[in-house]
Amino acid sequence: MIEIGGLPAHVLLVHAVVVLAPIAGLGAIAYAVAPRWRSYLAWPLGVLSLVLVPVTLVTAQAGEQLEQVRPASALVHEHAEQGDVLKVVSVVFFVLVAAMLAVTYEPFSRRLAFLGGLRDKRFIRVALLIAGALAGVFFIYQSIITGHSGAASVWAR
């Protein structure tokens, strides 16, 4: 089992996911609906969505190790299932944010020559902005549901 300072790593790492995932989700929503903020949000949103993928995967792995060591209840199994969904959501969120930034943020789309034609198509830009905002909403939702099920598995005894 992965430990940090004698504590199970999952207990500590989960705080990064619970805090950063909603921030990233809100950033994606703001990026999609506020064109004037895009130049300020592009880099932080891209980096945060990228960082959240390994953080979520490592947190889930540490949680699975913790589940093997401690007696597991039905609430723990539910939390593990929610964590599995959150892993997938974090990867999908990153992919959608990367696509949204690549097509809608000009400094990125200029460097990616093969996206030149996509940037000029309004339908694709709007579809990616909507998909990015919806992914942000679902990322926030899933991180809250996963965190709540984890808290319930610890505190509802």
Protein backbone atom coordinates (compact mmCIF):
# COMPACT_ATOMS: atom_id res chain seq x y z
CA MET A 1 0.00 0.00 0.00
CA ILE A 2 1.30 3.45 -0.91
CA GLU A 3 1.83 5.58 2.21
CA ILE A 4 2.84 9.18 2.74
CA GLY A 5 4.10 9.97 6.23
CA GLY A 6 2.49 6.81 7.58
CA LEU A 7 -0.95 7.64 6.18
CA PRO A 8 -2.54 5.85 3.24
CA ALA A 9 -1.76 7.92 0.13
CA HIS A 10 -5.39 7.81 -0.98
CA VAL A 11 -6.47 9.78 2.08
CA LEU A 12 -4.10 12.61 1.12
CA LEU A 13 -4.28 12.49 -2.69
CA VAL A 14 -8.07 12.54 -2.75
CA HIS A 15 -7.99 16.15 -1.59
CA ALA A 16 -6.17 17.20 -4.76
CA VAL A 17 -8.85 15.62 -6.94
CA VAL A 18 -11.75 16.92 -4.86
CA VAL A 19 -10.40 20.48 -5.04
CA LEU A 20 -8.83 20.63 -8.51
CA ALA A 21 -11.50 18.78 -10.52
CA PRO A 22 -14.29 21.29 -9.79
CA ILE A 23 -11.87 24.17 -10.46
CA ALA A 24 -10.97 22.64 -13.82
CA GLY A 25 -14.63 22.04 -14.60
CA LEU A 26 -15.50 25.65 -13.80
CA GLY A 27 -12.55 26.76 -15.92
CA ALA A 28 -13.85 24.79 -18.90
CA ILE A 29 -17.31 26.27 -18.48
CA ALA A 30 -15.91 29.81 -18.19
CA TYR A 31 -13.69 29.23 -21.22
CA ALA A 32 -16.67 28.12 -23.27
CA VAL A 33 -19.05 30.92 -22.31
CA ALA A 34 -16.72 33.91 -21.89
CA PRO A 35 -14.67 34.54 -25.06
CA ARG A 36 -12.92 37.52 -23.48
CA TRP A 37 -11.40 35.27 -20.75
CA ARG A 38 -10.08 32.63 -23.14
CA SER A 39 -6.60 34.10 -23.42
CA TYR A 40 -6.30 34.05 -19.61
CA LEU A 41 -7.81 30.60 -19.12
CA ALA A 42 -6.26 28.61 -21.96
CA TRP A 43 -2.91 27.68 -20.44
CA PRO A 44 -4.08 27.14 -16.83
CA LEU A 45 -7.03 25.06 -18.05
CA GLY A 46 -4.87 22.96 -20.36
CA VAL A 47 -2.22 22.31 -17.72
CA LEU A 48 -4.76 21.60 -14.97
CA SER A 49 -6.75 19.18 -17.13
CA LEU A 50 -3.50 17.39 -18.04
CA VAL A 51 -2.28 17.20 -14.43
CA LEU A 52 -5.61 15.84 -13.22
CA VAL A 53 -5.32 12.70 -15.33
CA PRO A 54 -2.32 11.18 -13.51
CA VAL A 55 -3.44 12.57 -10.15
CA THR A 56 -6.83 10.90 -10.56
CA LEU A 57 -5.29 7.64 -11.73
CA VAL A 58 -2.75 7.53 -8.87
CA THR A 59 -5.46 8.42 -6.34
CA ALA A 60 -7.68 5.62 -7.64
CA GLN A 61 -4.78 3.16 -7.57
CA ALA A 62 -3.99 4.12 -3.97
CA GLY A 63 -7.68 3.71 -3.14
CA GLU A 64 -7.74 0.23 -4.65
CA GLN A 65 -4.72 -0.72 -2.55
CA LEU A 66 -6.41 0.69 0.55
CA GLU A 67 -9.56 -1.30 -0.28
CA GLN A 68 -7.52 -4.52 -0.39
CA VAL A 69 -5.94 -3.86 3.03
CA ARG A 70 -9.02 -2.69 4.95
CA PRO A 71 -12.33 -4.51 5.33
CA ALA A 72 -14.61 -3.31 2.54
CA SER A 73 -18.29 -2.53 2.97
CA ALA A 74 -20.97 -1.96 0.36
CA LEU A 75 -20.31 1.79 0.66
CA VAL A 76 -16.61 1.26 -0.06
CA HIS A 77 -17.46 -0.81 -3.15
CA GLU A 78 -19.83 1.93 -4.33
CA HIS A 79 -17.07 4.50 -3.82
CA ALA A 80 -14.65 2.31 -5.80
CA GLU A 81 -17.13 2.12 -8.69
CA GLN A 82 -17.59 5.91 -8.62
CA GLY A 83 -13.79 6.25 -8.62
CA ASP A 84 -13.56 4.06 -11.71
CA VAL A 85 -16.03 6.34 -13.46
CA LEU A 86 -14.05 9.41 -12.35
CA LYS A 87 -10.87 7.98 -13.90
CA VAL A 88 -12.59 7.72 -17.27
CA VAL A 89 -14.20 11.14 -16.89
CA SER A 90 -10.82 12.76 -16.16
CA VAL A 91 -9.33 11.33 -19.36
CA VAL A 92 -12.37 12.29 -21.47
CA PHE A 93 -12.33 15.76 -19.90
CA PHE A 94 -8.67 16.21 -20.82
CA VAL A 95 -9.24 15.07 -24.41
CA LEU A 96 -12.21 17.41 -24.87
CA VAL A 97 -10.39 20.35 -23.28
CA ALA A 98 -7.34 19.71 -25.48
CA ALA A 99 -9.53 19.58 -28.58
CA MET A 100 -11.45 22.69 -27.51
CA LEU A 101 -8.23 24.62 -26.90
CA ALA A 102 -6.58 23.36 -30.10
CA VAL A 103 -9.43 24.57 -32.27
CA THR A 104 -10.61 27.71 -30.46
CA TYR A 105 -7.45 29.24 -29.00
CA GLU A 106 -5.56 30.87 -31.84
CA PRO A 107 -1.97 30.51 -30.54
CA PHE A 108 -2.54 26.74 -30.33
CA SER A 109 -4.44 26.36 -33.60
CA ARG A 110 -1.87 28.41 -35.53
CA ARG A 111 0.92 26.04 -34.44
CA LEU A 112 -1.10 22.98 -35.33
CA ALA A 113 -1.24 23.43 -39.10
CA PHE A 114 -3.51 20.44 -39.66
CA LEU A 115 -6.21 22.17 -37.59
CA GLY A 116 -6.31 25.22 -39.85
CA GLY A 117 -9.42 24.01 -41.65
CA LEU A 118 -11.20 23.09 -38.43
CA ARG A 119 -10.62 26.50 -36.88
CA ASP A 120 -12.46 28.11 -39.78
CA LYS A 121 -15.57 25.95 -39.34
CA ARG A 122 -17.92 27.66 -36.91
CA PHE A 123 -19.97 24.51 -36.29
CA ILE A 124 -16.92 22.58 -35.06
CA ARG A 125 -15.77 25.43 -32.81
CA VAL A 126 -19.23 25.78 -31.24
CA ALA A 127 -19.63 22.00 -30.87
CA LEU A 128 -16.29 21.72 -29.10
CA LEU A 129 -17.09 24.64 -26.80
CA ILE A 130 -20.42 23.04 -25.88
CA ALA A 131 -18.77 19.63 -25.40
CA GLY A 132 -16.05 21.19 -23.24
CA ALA A 133 -18.58 23.00 -21.06
CA LEU A 134 -20.68 19.84 -20.67
CA ALA A 135 -17.57 17.85 -19.82
CA GLY A 136 -16.77 20.47 -17.19
CA VAL A 137 -20.24 20.13 -15.68
CA PHE A 138 -19.99 16.34 -15.62
CA PHE A 139 -16.46 16.43 -14.18
CA ILE A 140 -17.70 18.62 -11.33
CA TYR A 141 -20.69 16.34 -10.77
CA GLN A 142 -18.66 13.12 -10.83
CA SER A 143 -15.99 14.48 -8.48
CA ILE A 144 -18.68 15.53 -6.00
CA ILE A 145 -20.50 12.18 -6.22
CA THR A 146 -17.25 10.25 -5.85
CA GLY A 147 -16.08 12.38 -2.94
CA HIS A 148 -19.45 12.10 -1.23
CA SER A 149 -19.53 8.32 -1.56
CA GLY A 150 -16.01 8.17 -0.12
CA ALA A 151 -16.94 10.36 2.82
CA ALA A 152 -20.06 8.31 3.43
CA SER A 153 -18.01 5.10 3.41
CA VAL A 154 -15.77 6.51 6.15
CA TRP A 155 -18.23 8.40 8.31
CA ALA A 156 -21.51 6.47 7.95
CA ARG A 157 -20.82 3.60 10.33
